[in-house]
Amino acid sequence: IANEDLDVYRSPYLKSSAAGRSISAIVQNLDLKKSMTEIESGFKEWQQPTLIVWGTKDPWLDVSQAENLVNICENGKLVKLAEAAHYPQEHWSADITDELLLFLRRKEV
């Protein structure tokens, strides 16, 4: 992804040095395992239909994390985008839109 495109995501944190320091501290102190455990505990209670769309080539978040979430979620569905990485919405928006529309239009049985 081009730096200009990433600026859409970064710019809110770069407008002041305080915001920049905040995001830097978050990244440095992120305990992904603990965060995922907290998210998983919430998904155990979740009853609503849930669609998770994940890029299988994400270099930071392995698809196994999405598989775990969908297995915990009673009404979960996982769509794996084989060529997508960490920002699938940038390059695979049509695929995501198609999957989202199918999910939203489904009939509950």
Foldseek 3Di string as FASTA:
>chain_A
DDPVVCCVVCVVQPPDVVSVVVVVVCVVPDDPVVVLVVVLVVQLPDADAEEAEEECAAPPDHCVSVVSSQVNHPRYDYHYDDHDYDCCCVPPVVVVVVVVVCSVPDDDD
